[in-house]
Structure formats: C-alpha cells, structure tokens
Amino acid sequence: MTHTVSALIADHPGPAPAIGAPEREWLSFDALRALTQTVRESLHSVGIGRGDRVAIVLPNGPEMATAFVTIAQVATTAPLNPAYREEEYEFYLEDLQAKALVVAADYDGPALPAAAKFGLVVLRLSTQEGDAAGAFTLSAEGTAGSCDTAAPEASDVALILHTSGTTSRPKIVPLLQSNVYASAQNILTSLALTPEDRCLNVMPLFHIHGLIAAVSASLAAGAQISCAPGFNALRFFGQLDTVRPSWYTAVPTMHQAILARAGRNKDVIDAANLRFLRSSSASLPAPVMEALVETFGAPVVEAYGMTEATHQMCCNPLPPRAQKPGSVGVAAGPEVRIAHETEDRLLDHSATGEIVISGPNVTPGYESNPKANEDGFFSAEDKRWFRTGDQGAFDDEGYLNLTGRLKEIINRGGEKISPLEVDAVMLGHPEIAQVVCFAVPHDKLGEDIAAAVVLREGSTLDERAIRAFTAEHLADFKVPRSVVVLEEIPKGATGKIQRIGMAEKLGLTP
C-alpha cells in the first residue's frame, strides 16, 4: 500500500482500541476500518469521491477525529473552525471550492446558509447513544452527481487548511496523502510511540497540531487517542484521571492554565504517571517548561511545527538525550537548515538566519498563489526549500533555537529585539502568569516594544515594578516601554497568541 491515510490504519490488530473519549467505549481499529467503508459508500452515493473537497464543521471530540480519518480516505478534507461567522464560512467554502459540508445532525448554525449559497451537499453526522466513541452515520441533503470512485493515491490532496493570516488574505495549504503519512511517521518516531501509548487530545481538530500530532501519529503507531470535547482547565484533571493517558500535547497557553490548577490536583498528577508531555504551535517559555517537568515529574518535549510542514519540523528528543528549555529541539523529520533571509542560498549550520525545511512532509506549494510560492520556496543543493518565516540558529549539539518570527522581530531604531527573549525573562517573575511582548508604532524609532501581562491571583504588581524587574535582566532597549495588565491575553481561534496585530487589539496604535 502506498503512503496514504489508509496505510496509517491498515495493519493494526482488529480488536485493539483506536479512538476513545472520556467515559465512553473505545472504537477498535476493525471498527474504524469498517466505518471508513461505510463513509466511502455514503459519499460515493451522493457524488463525492476522489479529489472532491469536503468541509467539516464539527465540535471537538471523537467524531471530528473519525470524520477526518475516514473522509480523508475517500476525498479531500477541509476542517473549519466551528466558531466562524457566516461571512467567514462564505469566504472559506468559496475559496476551497468545497463540494460538500459535514455538520452534526442537530446543527443549525451559520455554515448552513453559506453552504446553501454555493449549492453544497450537506451531510449530517448522527451518533447513537451507547455507540463506541467516534462511530457515526451520514445522511445527505442534496446530491453532487457523479464522482471518481477510485481510492486516493499518495499524490492526491488529503487535507486542506488555511494559514492564519493576520493582515493579508489567508493562503490555501494543500497537504498530500503522502505529506500526512510522512508527518505521522516522523512524530511517532520522535516520540517513540507504541501500541501501549494513549494520548489525551485537548487540541482543536480543525488545526494541524491536533489532527497530525495527536490523532494521525497515534493511529499510525497502533496507539490509542482519547478525544476530549475541547480544552477546559477545570475539567482537565478529571479527564487525566479517567483516561489515564501516557502523554498529552498542547499549546503553551494550555500548559500554563494546567499549571495554575496543578497545586490542588497533586494526587491526580502523582497517579497519572505520564511518560512525557508535548508542547507545540508556539514557543514554550523556559520557566514554563521547567515548572511542568517539576510538577509532572516527566520530560517535556517541545516541538516546532507549522501547517506547511504538515506540523512537525523539530522536536526535543526524549531521554536519555536532553530536553533544552528555550530550544525547539533537533530536526525531527524534514531536513532543517538556515538560509539567508533575502537571498536564495543556505548558510552555515551555526549562522543565524531564516529557518528552511525540505522533505516528504512539506506541502507542494500554496494553491492559486504564485507570488506566495515564489516568496516561500527556493532551490539549492538540488532540493526545494520552504522558508518558514522564522529566524533561528543551531547550537553545537544540533538543537534549534528560535530567535523570533522575522516579521515579529522588533526593530527599535535599528536595535533588533526578539520578543521571545523578553517573554522568557518576564515570566521569571514569580507573580507573572502569562506575558506576550509585541511591537508598537513609534514616531521616532519606527517601532518600540510593549507587553501584555496576566498576573497571578492576589498579585499587586504594577507597570513600574514589572519594568524595573525586566530592566534587571535585559538591556534598556529591550525593556517594554508600556505594560498592559490584563485578566486574559487575546488569542486567535486555535488558542495561539498572535503578536502581529496585538497593539491594534489593545488600542495601542495611533
């Protein structure tokens, strides 16, 4: 069998548990393969097949996971954020040229009028009480005529996602069957996953992190994946107790919320006996990594990923190798190099420059966007390289350190500031729970640095004290000129903090 999503689940023992959810029965690999056949018949019967694009708007949970895995073996999946408004759905459905939309049986939200505008087939997903987690049936409203009933091949598109643009139009990222297969294999290798492992997924499943690192890599390993209905810090420890996972993966803001409640859940943490914790999708501040290790008594594996790489590019290795706080680890799948930021050439391994990648997990290119492809890819040393837009350097042991997003690097009158560095220092203060530094416009310097801060409960820190603490550890030009104390830092749809546009969100622009 070729490198496809089907191949990921083809050979695991039938009775072995595959997909679960807290307090629900497990769906076996045999049942998952049988569900795939049922979904194939349902889609083909209404004219949806190979190459057709199926948008999926479902809440987080096991059915979202199985919808992705099964539909990707028949057609092309396009998961969308359930929190979008009607105009957003109109944009994405038209941009994707979707042929069908999958929603829950009782869904009556804004994706429906958007789908109606473009004449999409609506597929309603139903579950029965008592069924195993992830089991479902589809019923169709409308038909799309005929379709290609052949099974997708390695070079067909399995998954389409949009990059989260902050100012410009989002870019379409098509990910091939072979990209998904390669990335799942890369992740299971770097995490040494086996059928004995069980992942608790709290990541949104319209996002590359959850779809590939949690779901696809677990299934590829013949392991188990328990899908929570989204992340809730209040429920997390109950789920940890019920599911008894060997690992979980999350973004730094989730890890910080878990740490905030860890003190009152010590018994659950002690009983959990996690093999490791994983963090990705944003830089994990070193103090947070160290607190997680101390709290859970398990290694914390920070990984570095992005949509165009079908998620993972680098990963901190498991013991006995070191997990370095502040580093995103070693190359973990694709070849990772440093390139010149404006010229199409590779630099020495120890140089600081733009991080570029090449390998079978990398998208073939943005769809219908020649300018983005021209800017984003170049050839050197007989390989095609993708520019990540991140700046970094390797240390002498091959661990990659990010020095910032190229467009997030703050240029303060010619002095370059990495907001990641300032974040890490400020988080060293015992009364600061979360921080994000970002650029604000300055009439003389062009840009200056500001910070948004969330304080720990009971703290009376003010802006002056925060700046004074930061000034003890950093050169004056790196100290935020303004500090905004908030109850919560604004986040994007996937739970990531977005530095770009933060000044505008907080009313700090002229």
Protein backbone atom coordinates (compact mmCIF):
# COMPACT_ATOMS: atom_id res chain seq x y z
CA MET A 1 0.00 0.00 0.00
CA THR A 2 1.32 3.47 -0.84
CA HIS A 3 1.91 6.30 1.62
CA THR A 4 -1.70 7.28 2.26
CA VAL A 5 -4.03 7.85 5.21
CA SER A 6 -5.45 4.36 4.57
CA ALA A 7 -1.99 2.90 5.08
CA LEU A 8 -1.76 4.51 8.53
CA ILE A 9 -4.55 2.31 9.92
CA ALA A 10 -4.32 -0.73 7.62
CA ASP A 11 -2.22 -3.20 9.60
CA HIS A 12 -3.03 -2.79 13.29
CA PRO A 13 -4.74 -5.68 15.15
CA GLY A 14 -8.51 -5.51 14.73
CA PRO A 15 -9.66 -5.64 18.36
CA ALA A 16 -7.08 -3.07 19.53
CA PRO A 17 -8.64 0.21 20.76
CA ALA A 18 -8.09 3.18 18.42
CA ILE A 19 -10.40 6.13 19.18
CA GLY A 20 -11.93 6.98 22.53
CA ALA A 21 -13.35 9.79 24.62
CA PRO A 22 -13.53 10.34 28.38
CA GLU A 23 -16.17 7.99 29.87
CA ARG A 24 -17.06 6.34 26.52
CA GLU A 25 -16.38 2.94 24.96
CA TRP A 26 -13.37 2.60 22.66
CA LEU A 27 -13.70 2.26 18.88
CA SER A 28 -11.43 -0.57 17.68
CA PHE A 29 -9.19 -0.49 14.60
CA ASP A 30 -11.52 -3.03 12.95
CA ALA A 31 -14.50 -0.75 13.65
CA LEU A 32 -12.56 2.26 12.31
CA ARG A 33 -11.78 0.40 9.08
CA ALA A 34 -15.44 -0.70 8.80
CA LEU A 35 -16.56 2.90 9.40
CA THR A 36 -14.27 4.01 6.56
CA GLN A 37 -16.06 1.62 4.19
CA THR A 38 -19.49 2.91 5.30
CA VAL A 39 -18.36 6.52 4.83
CA ARG A 40 -16.98 5.66 1.38
CA GLU A 41 -20.35 4.23 0.33
CA SER A 42 -22.24 7.22 1.78
CA LEU A 43 -20.05 9.75 -0.04
CA HIS A 44 -19.99 7.91 -3.37
CA SER A 45 -23.79 7.54 -3.30
CA VAL A 46 -24.18 11.35 -3.41
CA GLY A 47 -21.40 12.01 -5.90
CA ILE A 48 -18.49 12.80 -3.56
CA GLY A 49 -15.23 10.99 -4.31
CA ARG A 50 -11.54 11.28 -5.00
CA GLY A 51 -10.41 14.89 -5.38
CA ASP A 52 -13.70 16.38 -4.12
CA ARG A 53 -13.42 18.77 -1.20
CA VAL A 54 -15.46 18.16 1.92
CA ALA A 55 -15.62 20.93 4.52
CA ILE A 56 -16.07 19.66 8.08
CA VAL A 57 -17.66 21.83 10.79
CA LEU A 58 -17.95 19.71 13.91
CA PRO A 59 -17.32 20.25 17.62
CA ASN A 60 -14.16 18.80 19.09
CA GLY A 61 -14.39 15.17 20.07
CA PRO A 62 -14.05 11.62 18.73
CA GLU A 63 -16.48 12.11 15.81
CA MET A 64 -14.39 15.00 14.50
CA ALA A 65 -11.34 12.71 14.64
CA THR A 66 -13.04 9.81 12.85
CA ALA A 67 -14.69 12.11 10.29
CA PHE A 68 -11.25 13.42 9.32
CA VAL A 69 -9.62 9.98 9.19
CA THR A 70 -12.42 8.28 7.23
CA ILE A 71 -13.28 11.07 4.77
CA ALA A 72 -9.57 11.59 4.00
CA GLN A 73 -9.50 8.00 2.70
CA VAL A 74 -12.21 8.83 0.15
CA ALA A 75 -12.00 12.54 -0.71
CA THR A 76 -10.21 15.73 0.43
CA THR A 77 -10.94 17.03 3.94
CA ALA A 78 -11.17 20.72 4.87
CA PRO A 79 -11.85 21.13 8.61
CA LEU A 80 -13.14 24.59 9.55
CA ASN A 81 -13.42 26.39 12.88
CA PRO A 82 -16.94 25.94 14.34
CA ALA A 83 -16.71 29.47 15.77
CA TYR A 84 -16.65 31.22 12.37
CA ARG A 85 -19.37 33.67 11.32
CA GLU A 86 -21.45 33.28 8.15
CA GLU A 87 -19.29 35.66 6.09
CA GLU A 88 -16.19 33.70 7.08
CA TYR A 89 -17.79 30.43 6.03
CA GLU A 90 -18.77 32.04 2.74
CA PHE A 91 -15.14 33.06 2.16
CA TYR A 92 -13.67 29.66 3.06
CA LEU A 93 -16.23 27.49 1.27
CA GLU A 94 -15.87 29.52 -1.93
CA ASP A 95 -12.07 29.71 -1.62
CA LEU A 96 -11.86 25.94 -1.08
CA GLN A 97 -14.33 25.18 -3.90
CA ALA A 98 -15.94 22.74 -1.49
CA LYS A 99 -18.48 20.26 -2.84
CA ALA A 100 -19.97 19.14 0.48
CA LEU A 101 -20.26 20.20 4.11
CA VAL A 102 -20.34 17.85 7.11
CA VAL A 103 -22.18 19.10 10.21
CA ALA A 104 -23.71 17.48 13.29
CA ALA A 105 -27.27 16.16 12.93
CA ASP A 106 -28.74 18.95 15.08
CA TYR A 107 -26.54 21.77 13.69
CA ASP A 108 -28.39 24.95 12.76
CA GLY A 109 -25.52 27.43 12.58
CA PRO A 110 -24.03 29.92 10.12
CA ALA A 111 -22.22 27.35 7.94
CA LEU A 112 -25.60 26.21 6.53
CA PRO A 113 -26.67 29.44 4.77
CA ALA A 114 -23.11 29.76 3.45
CA ALA A 115 -23.26 26.21 2.07
CA ALA A 116 -26.70 26.90 0.56
CA LYS A 117 -25.30 29.96 -1.26
CA PHE A 118 -22.88 27.71 -3.17
CA GLY A 119 -25.19 24.71 -3.57
CA LEU A 120 -23.13 22.31 -1.43
CA VAL A 121 -24.34 18.87 -0.44
CA VAL A 122 -24.97 18.93 3.32
CA LEU A 123 -24.00 15.73 5.13
CA ARG A 124 -25.46 15.40 8.62
CA LEU A 125 -23.48 13.29 11.06
CA SER A 126 -25.53 11.26 13.56
CA THR A 127 -24.45 9.26 16.60
CA GLN A 128 -26.41 6.73 18.62
CA GLU A 129 -26.40 6.54 22.40
CA GLY A 130 -24.30 3.60 23.54
CA ASP A 131 -22.17 3.50 20.37
CA ALA A 132 -18.40 3.48 20.70
CA ALA A 133 -16.66 6.85 20.62
CA GLY A 134 -16.33 8.14 17.06
CA ALA A 135 -18.97 5.87 15.49
CA PHE A 136 -21.38 7.77 13.23
CA THR A 137 -23.62 7.63 10.17
CA LEU A 138 -24.06 10.26 7.44
CA SER A 139 -27.31 11.35 5.85
CA ALA A 140 -27.24 13.64 2.82
CA GLU A 141 -29.29 16.68 1.82
CA GLY A 142 -28.77 17.04 -1.94
CA THR A 143 -26.54 15.28 -4.45
CA ALA A 144 -23.45 16.28 -6.43
CA GLY A 145 -23.96 13.98 -9.42
CA SER A 146 -21.13 11.65 -10.40
CA CYS A 147 -17.66 11.26 -8.89
CA ASP A 148 -14.36 9.42 -9.17
CA THR A 149 -14.75 6.30 -7.01
CA ALA A 150 -11.06 5.32 -7.14
CA ALA A 151 -9.15 5.34 -3.85
CA PRO A 152 -6.95 8.41 -3.32
CA GLU A 153 -3.27 7.90 -4.12
CA ALA A 154 -0.18 9.26 -2.36
CA SER A 155 -0.07 12.32 -4.63
CA ASP A 156 -3.72 13.28 -4.01
CA VAL A 157 -4.62 16.04 -1.51
CA ALA A 158 -5.81 14.60 1.83
CA LEU A 159 -6.19 17.79 3.86
CA ILE A 160 -6.60 21.47 3.08
CA LEU A 161 -6.04 24.16 5.69
CA HIS A 162 -5.66 27.92 5.51
CA THR A 163 -2.72 29.67 7.14
CA SER A 164 -3.86 32.13 9.78
CA GLY A 165 -3.01 35.41 8.08
CA THR A 166 -3.08 38.49 10.26
CA THR A 167 -3.35 41.23 7.67
CA SER A 168 -3.35 39.57 4.27
CA ARG A 169 -5.75 37.08 2.76
CA PRO A 170 -5.29 33.57 4.25
CA LYS A 171 -3.32 31.21 2.00
CA ILE A 172 -4.61 27.76 1.00
CA VAL A 173 -2.22 24.99 2.06
CA PRO A 174 -2.92 21.65 0.33
CA LEU A 175 -1.38 18.68 2.15
CA LEU A 176 -0.99 15.46 0.20
CA GLN A 177 -1.79 11.95 1.39
CA SER A 178 1.98 11.37 1.36
CA ASN A 179 2.55 14.53 3.45
CA VAL A 180 0.15 13.33 6.17
CA TYR A 181 1.66 9.84 6.11
CA ALA A 182 5.24 11.15 6.35
CA SER A 183 4.46 13.58 9.18
CA ALA A 184 2.60 10.95 11.24
CA GLN A 185 5.61 8.63 10.88
CA ASN A 186 8.03 11.43 11.82
CA ILE A 187 6.10 12.21 15.00
CA LEU A 188 5.62 8.61 16.13
CA THR A 189 9.36 8.07 15.63
CA SER A 190 10.42 11.15 17.60
CA LEU A 191 8.01 10.31 20.44
CA ALA A 192 8.78 6.54 20.31
CA LEU A 193 5.03 5.80 20.24
CA THR A 194 3.92 2.17 20.57
CA PRO A 195 0.51 0.43 20.79
CA GLU A 196 0.85 0.75 24.58
CA ASP A 197 0.60 4.56 24.39
CA ARG A 198 -2.55 6.55 24.94
CA CYS A 199 -2.85 10.25 24.08
CA LEU A 200 -5.36 12.64 25.63
CA ASN A 201 -6.18 15.18 22.91
CA VAL A 202 -7.28 18.63 24.06
CA MET A 203 -6.24 20.43 20.86
CA PRO A 204 -8.86 21.71 18.39
CA LEU A 205 -9.23 19.28 15.49
CA PHE A 206 -9.63 21.96 12.82
CA HIS A 207 -5.93 22.66 13.45
CA ILE A 208 -2.83 20.83 12.17
CA HIS A 209 -1.42 20.19 15.66
CA GLY A 210 -4.31 18.04 16.89
CA LEU A 211 -5.05 16.36 13.55
CA ILE A 212 -1.48 15.18 12.94
CA ALA A 213 0.44 15.05 16.24
CA ALA A 214 -2.37 13.66 18.37
CA VAL A 215 -4.68 11.75 16.00
CA SER A 216 -2.65 10.67 12.95
CA ALA A 217 0.59 9.84 14.77
CA SER A 218 -1.27 7.82 17.43
CA LEU A 219 -3.18 5.82 14.82
CA ALA A 220 -0.02 5.26 12.77
CA ALA A 221 1.60 3.73 15.87
CA GLY A 222 -1.38 1.46 16.57
CA ALA A 223 -1.82 3.50 19.76
CA GLN A 224 -4.93 4.98 21.37
CA ILE A 225 -6.24 8.51 21.13
CA SER A 226 -8.86 9.79 23.58
CA CYS A 227 -10.57 12.95 22.28
CA ALA A 228 -11.81 15.46 24.84
CA PRO A 229 -14.55 17.92 23.83
CA GLY A 230 -12.01 20.76 23.64
CA PHE A 231 -9.73 22.15 26.34
CA ASN A 232 -11.11 23.12 29.71
CA ALA A 233 -8.61 23.69 32.53
CA LEU A 234 -11.31 22.92 35.13
CA ARG A 235 -12.04 19.51 33.57
CA PHE A 236 -8.51 18.58 32.51
CA PHE A 237 -7.50 16.81 35.72
CA GLY A 238 -10.75 14.81 35.80
CA GLN A 239 -10.01 13.69 32.22
CA LEU A 240 -6.42 12.86 33.18
CA ASP A 241 -7.77 10.69 36.00
CA THR A 242 -10.41 8.95 33.84
CA VAL A 243 -8.43 8.42 30.64
CA ARG A 244 -5.01 7.64 32.21
CA PRO A 245 -3.05 8.73 29.13
CA SER A 246 0.69 8.20 28.73
CA TRP A 247 1.01 11.68 27.15
CA TYR A 248 -0.82 14.77 26.02
CA THR A 249 0.05 17.57 23.61
CA ALA A 250 -0.97 21.22 23.96
CA VAL A 251 -0.05 24.82 23.22
CA PRO A 252 1.83 26.87 25.87
CA THR A 253 -1.27 28.80 26.99
CA MET A 254 -2.97 25.48 27.82
CA HIS A 255 0.08 24.23 29.73
CA GLN A 256 0.10 27.48 31.72
CA ALA A 257 -3.60 27.08 32.59
CA ILE A 258 -2.91 23.48 33.70
CA LEU A 259 -0.01 24.62 35.89
CA ALA A 260 -2.24 27.25 37.51
CA ARG A 261 -4.52 24.46 38.81
CA ALA A 262 -1.86 21.82 39.46
CA GLY A 263 -1.44 22.59 43.17
CA ARG A 264 -4.95 21.44 44.06
CA ASN A 265 -4.69 18.30 41.87
CA LYS A 266 -1.45 16.80 43.19
CA ASP A 267 -2.99 13.33 43.82
CA VAL A 268 -4.22 13.10 40.19
CA ILE A 269 -0.82 14.21 38.88
CA ASP A 270 1.03 11.67 41.06
CA ALA A 271 -1.27 8.86 39.87
CA ALA A 272 -1.11 9.92 36.21
CA ASN A 273 2.46 8.69 35.66
CA LEU A 274 2.79 10.41 32.26
CA ARG A 275 5.64 9.17 30.05
CA PHE A 276 6.11 12.69 28.62
CA LEU A 277 4.28 15.95 27.88
CA ARG A 278 4.46 17.64 24.49
CA SER A 279 4.18 21.33 23.59
CA SER A 280 3.97 22.89 20.14
CA SER A 281 2.43 25.64 17.93
CA ALA A 282 4.09 28.48 19.87
CA SER A 283 7.34 28.89 21.78
CA LEU A 284 7.23 27.38 25.26
CA PRO A 285 8.88 29.79 27.71
CA ALA A 286 11.75 28.11 29.58
CA PRO A 287 10.25 28.81 33.06
CA VAL A 288 7.00 27.09 31.98
CA MET A 289 8.89 24.05 30.67
CA GLU A 290 10.84 23.80 33.93
CA ALA A 291 7.64 24.12 36.02
CA LEU A 292 5.94 21.36 34.00
CA VAL A 293 8.89 18.99 34.50
CA GLU A 294 8.89 19.68 38.22
CA THR A 295 5.10 19.36 38.54
CA PHE A 296 4.58 16.20 36.48
CA GLY A 297 7.94 14.51 37.05
CA ALA A 298 8.09 13.73 33.33
CA PRO A 299 10.12 15.07 30.40
CA VAL A 300 8.58 17.95 28.43
CA VAL A 301 9.13 17.61 24.70
CA GLU A 302 8.83 20.93 22.89
CA ALA A 303 8.23 20.57 19.15
CA TYR A 304 8.32 23.11 16.35
CA GLY A 305 5.73 22.84 13.62
CA MET A 306 3.66 24.69 11.09
CA THR A 307 0.84 23.95 8.67
CA GLU A 308 3.06 23.98 5.57
CA ALA A 309 5.19 21.20 7.12
CA THR A 310 2.11 19.09 7.96
CA HIS A 311 3.03 20.09 11.51
CA GLN A 312 6.34 18.84 12.91
CA MET A 313 9.78 20.09 11.83
CA CYS A 314 11.89 19.82 15.03
CA CYS A 315 11.38 18.14 18.36
CA ASN A 316 13.24 17.97 21.66
CA PRO A 317 14.35 14.34 21.97
CA LEU A 318 13.23 12.00 24.74
CA PRO A 319 15.65 10.92 27.48
CA PRO A 320 18.45 9.97 27.67
CA ARG A 321 19.06 12.97 25.36
CA ALA A 322 18.47 16.41 26.80
CA GLN A 323 15.29 18.48 26.56
CA LYS A 324 16.65 22.02 26.43
CA PRO A 325 14.39 24.76 27.80
CA GLY A 326 14.12 27.55 25.23
CA SER A 327 15.04 25.25 22.34
CA VAL A 328 12.64 23.56 19.90
CA GLY A 329 14.93 20.55 19.69
CA VAL A 330 16.61 18.75 16.83
CA ALA A 331 15.44 18.15 13.26
CA ALA A 332 12.66 15.56 13.52
CA GLY A 333 11.58 14.51 10.04
CA PRO A 334 12.41 17.02 7.36
CA GLU A 335 15.89 18.37 6.71
CA VAL A 336 16.17 21.68 8.59
CA ARG A 337 18.73 24.31 7.57
CA ILE A 338 19.48 28.02 7.95
CA ALA A 339 19.18 30.24 4.87
CA HIS A 340 19.92 33.85 4.02
CA GLU A 341 16.87 35.97 4.77
CA THR A 342 16.75 37.74 1.39
CA GLU A 343 18.95 35.64 -0.91
CA ASP A 344 18.22 32.12 -2.16
CA ARG A 345 21.16 30.39 -0.51
CA LEU A 346 21.86 28.19 2.50
CA LEU A 347 24.14 29.36 5.31
CA ASP A 348 26.48 27.58 7.70
CA HIS A 349 24.77 25.48 10.40
CA SER A 350 25.85 27.85 13.19
CA ALA A 351 24.71 31.03 11.44
CA THR A 352 21.61 32.99 12.46
CA GLY A 353 19.14 33.33 9.61
CA GLU A 354 15.83 32.09 8.25
CA ILE A 355 14.87 28.52 9.08
CA VAL A 356 14.11 26.48 5.93
CA ILE A 357 12.93 22.89 5.50
CA SER A 358 12.84 20.20 2.83
CA GLY A 359 11.26 16.75 2.94
CA PRO A 360 8.28 14.50 2.19
CA ASN A 361 6.08 16.20 4.81
CA VAL A 362 6.33 19.64 3.14
CA THR A 363 3.37 20.95 1.12
CA PRO A 364 3.95 21.07 -2.66
CA GLY A 365 3.02 24.76 -2.51
CA TYR A 366 0.20 27.22 -1.89
CA GLU A 367 -2.82 26.84 -4.11
CA SER A 368 -3.52 29.53 -6.74
CA ASN A 369 -0.91 31.84 -5.25
CA PRO A 370 2.19 32.10 -7.46
CA LYS A 371 3.50 35.15 -5.56
CA ALA A 372 3.41 33.29 -2.21
CA ASN A 373 5.14 30.29 -3.79
CA GLU A 374 7.81 32.49 -5.34
CA ASP A 375 8.45 34.12 -1.95
CA GLY A 376 8.10 30.94 0.07
CA PHE A 377 10.19 28.40 -1.85
CA PHE A 378 13.62 28.27 -3.47
CA SER A 379 16.03 25.62 -4.80
CA ALA A 380 19.54 24.95 -3.51
CA GLU A 381 21.78 21.87 -3.31
CA ASP A 382 19.36 20.02 -5.62
CA LYS A 383 16.48 20.37 -3.14
CA ARG A 384 13.39 22.55 -2.84
CA TRP A 385 13.36 24.56 0.38
CA PHE A 386 10.42 26.15 2.16
CA ARG A 387 11.00 29.42 4.01
CA THR A 388 9.35 29.24 7.44
CA GLY A 389 9.46 32.99 8.13
CA ASP A 390 11.15 32.18 11.46
CA GLN A 391 14.63 33.24 12.41
CA GLY A 392 16.92 30.93 14.34
CA ALA A 393 20.26 29.21 14.82
CA PHE A 394 21.51 25.75 15.79
CA ASP A 395 23.74 25.22 18.80
CA ASP A 396 26.80 22.96 18.65
CA GLU A 397 24.68 19.89 19.54
CA GLY A 398 22.21 20.46 16.69
CA TYR A 399 19.39 21.93 18.82
CA LEU A 400 17.49 24.74 17.11
CA ASN A 401 16.84 27.99 18.97
CA LEU A 402 14.22 30.36 17.57
CA THR A 403 15.22 33.99 17.82
CA GLY A 404 11.85 35.21 16.61
CA ARG A 405 9.42 35.44 13.75
CA LEU A 406 11.10 37.53 11.03
CA LYS A 407 8.16 39.88 10.89
CA GLU A 408 7.83 39.75 14.70
CA ILE A 409 11.41 40.84 15.28
CA ILE A 410 11.04 44.33 16.70
CA ASN A 411 13.28 46.90 15.01
CA ARG A 412 13.66 49.69 17.57
CA GLY A 413 15.55 52.37 15.71
CA GLY A 414 17.99 49.79 14.33
CA GLU A 415 18.22 47.75 17.55
CA LYS A 416 16.67 44.33 16.90
CA ILE A 417 14.66 42.82 19.74
CA SER A 418 13.36 39.23 19.91
CA PRO A 419 10.01 39.34 21.77
CA LEU A 420 10.50 35.65 22.71
CA GLU A 421 13.58 36.57 24.73
CA VAL A 422 11.77 39.31 26.65
CA ASP A 423 8.77 36.99 27.29
CA ALA A 424 11.06 34.41 28.89
CA VAL A 425 12.72 36.96 31.20
CA MET A 426 9.44 38.49 32.38
CA LEU A 427 7.99 35.03 33.07
CA GLY A 428 10.85 34.57 35.53
CA HIS A 429 8.95 36.87 37.93
CA PRO A 430 7.02 34.69 40.40
CA GLU A 431 3.91 36.90 40.21
CA ILE A 432 3.63 36.92 36.39
CA ALA A 433 1.49 34.08 34.97
CA GLN A 434 1.48 34.95 31.25
CA VAL A 435 3.14 37.53 29.04
CA VAL A 436 3.35 38.41 25.37
CA CYS A 437 5.66 41.11 24.02
CA PHE A 438 4.94 42.79 20.69
CA ALA A 439 5.78 45.77 18.52
CA VAL A 440 4.01 49.11 18.87
CA PRO A 441 4.44 52.02 16.44
CA HIS A 442 6.82 54.80 17.49
CA ASP A 443 7.08 58.15 15.71
CA LYS A 444 10.87 58.38 16.08
CA LEU A 445 12.13 54.82 16.36
CA GLY A 446 9.68 53.23 13.92
CA GLU A 447 8.82 50.52 16.44
CA ASP A 448 9.10 50.05 20.17
CA ILE A 449 8.31 47.11 22.44
CA ALA A 450 5.22 46.69 24.64
CA ALA A 451 3.98 43.81 26.79
CA ALA A 452 0.62 42.40 27.80
CA VAL A 453 0.75 40.65 31.18
CA VAL A 454 -1.57 38.42 33.21
CA LEU A 455 -0.72 38.43 36.94
CA ARG A 456 -1.08 35.54 39.35
CA GLU A 457 -4.04 35.66 41.75
CA GLY A 458 -3.50 38.15 44.57
CA SER A 459 -0.61 39.98 42.90
CA THR A 460 -0.45 43.77 43.22
CA LEU A 461 2.40 44.28 40.72
CA ASP A 462 2.12 47.46 38.70
CA GLU A 463 3.68 48.58 35.43
CA ARG A 464 6.62 50.31 37.13
CA ALA A 465 7.55 47.19 39.16
CA ILE A 466 7.28 44.94 36.10
CA ARG A 467 9.53 47.23 34.04
CA ALA A 468 12.02 47.50 36.92
CA PHE A 469 12.22 43.69 37.17
CA THR A 470 12.75 43.36 33.42
CA ALA A 471 15.43 46.07 33.47
CA GLU A 472 17.38 43.98 36.00
CA HIS A 473 17.79 41.25 33.40
CA LEU A 474 17.85 42.95 29.99
CA ALA A 475 19.47 45.87 28.23
CA ASP A 476 17.41 49.07 28.47
CA PHE A 477 16.33 49.00 24.83
CA LYS A 478 14.66 45.60 25.39
CA VAL A 479 12.55 46.72 28.35
CA PRO A 480 8.89 47.22 27.30
CA ARG A 481 8.03 50.92 27.16
CA SER A 482 4.45 50.13 28.14
CA VAL A 483 2.98 47.20 30.07
CA VAL A 484 -0.73 46.44 29.93
CA VAL A 485 -2.06 44.28 32.78
CA LEU A 486 -5.00 42.15 31.60
CA GLU A 487 -7.22 39.41 33.00
CA GLU A 488 -6.69 37.45 29.78
CA ILE A 489 -4.45 37.91 26.75
CA PRO A 490 -6.44 37.91 23.47
CA LYS A 491 -5.89 34.71 21.47
CA GLY A 492 -6.62 33.53 17.94
CA ALA A 493 -9.13 30.79 17.08
CA THR A 494 -6.65 27.94 17.72
CA GLY A 495 -5.63 29.18 21.17
CA LYS A 496 -2.41 30.72 19.93
CA ILE A 497 -1.37 34.21 20.97
CA GLN A 498 -0.73 36.31 17.87
CA ARG A 499 1.84 39.06 18.34
CA ILE A 500 1.06 40.58 14.97
CA GLY A 501 -1.90 42.89 15.45
CA MET A 502 -1.75 42.76 19.27
CA ALA A 503 -1.04 46.53 19.53
CA GLU A 504 -4.15 47.21 17.48
CA LYS A 505 -6.28 44.80 19.54
CA LEU A 506 -5.24 46.55 22.74
CA GLY A 507 -5.73 50.08 21.37
CA LEU A 508 -2.03 50.95 21.39
CA THR A 509 -1.87 52.23 17.81
CA PRO A 510 -2.38 55.87 16.84
